[in-house]
Amino acid sequence: MRCYGHIFNLVARAFLYGEGFEAFEAESQVFDLRGRREDDLRHWRKKGPARKLYNVVGFIRSSSQRCEFFERISRENDEAQEYLLAAESTAELEVVMNDDTRWNSIYFMISRAFLKQEDIRAFLVHLEVEKWLPEADMLEGND
């Protein structure tokens, strides 16, 4: 018997990713096992803006240097604001990565991305990032 949280997780995933997600995920694992990273990224991009955001957040969080660079951009953007009631903590400067075991982790990833929208844009237009992040993963206005 499954708990309500697990059922809700399955419903949310079906809503975000559509039917046949298990087969889709299995195909992704095959790409991953064979070391075909570009094919795997192309495969996930078909799942829309939520997965595109997941790829961008994964890119930022996969390197401590990129995490620090993103935090620096966030701090600079905060300091540029005229009225700042309180400085953000280190955790609030980061983007949030979803984990597939919790139903609300996708929500947290998306809501933090909305809050950090300007910081993410500033990060993505940096020359070093444009060189390493595939163009298909760049977030656009309609994402």
Foldseek 3Di string as FASTA:
>chain_A
DDDPFQVLLVVLCCVQQNPPVVVLVVVLVVCVVVVVVVVSLVSQVVSDDLSLLLLLLCVQPVDPVSLVVLLVLQQVVQVPDPDDPDDDDSVLSHQQHADSPGSCSSVSNVVSCVVCVVSSVVSCPDPVNVVPDDPSSDDDPVD
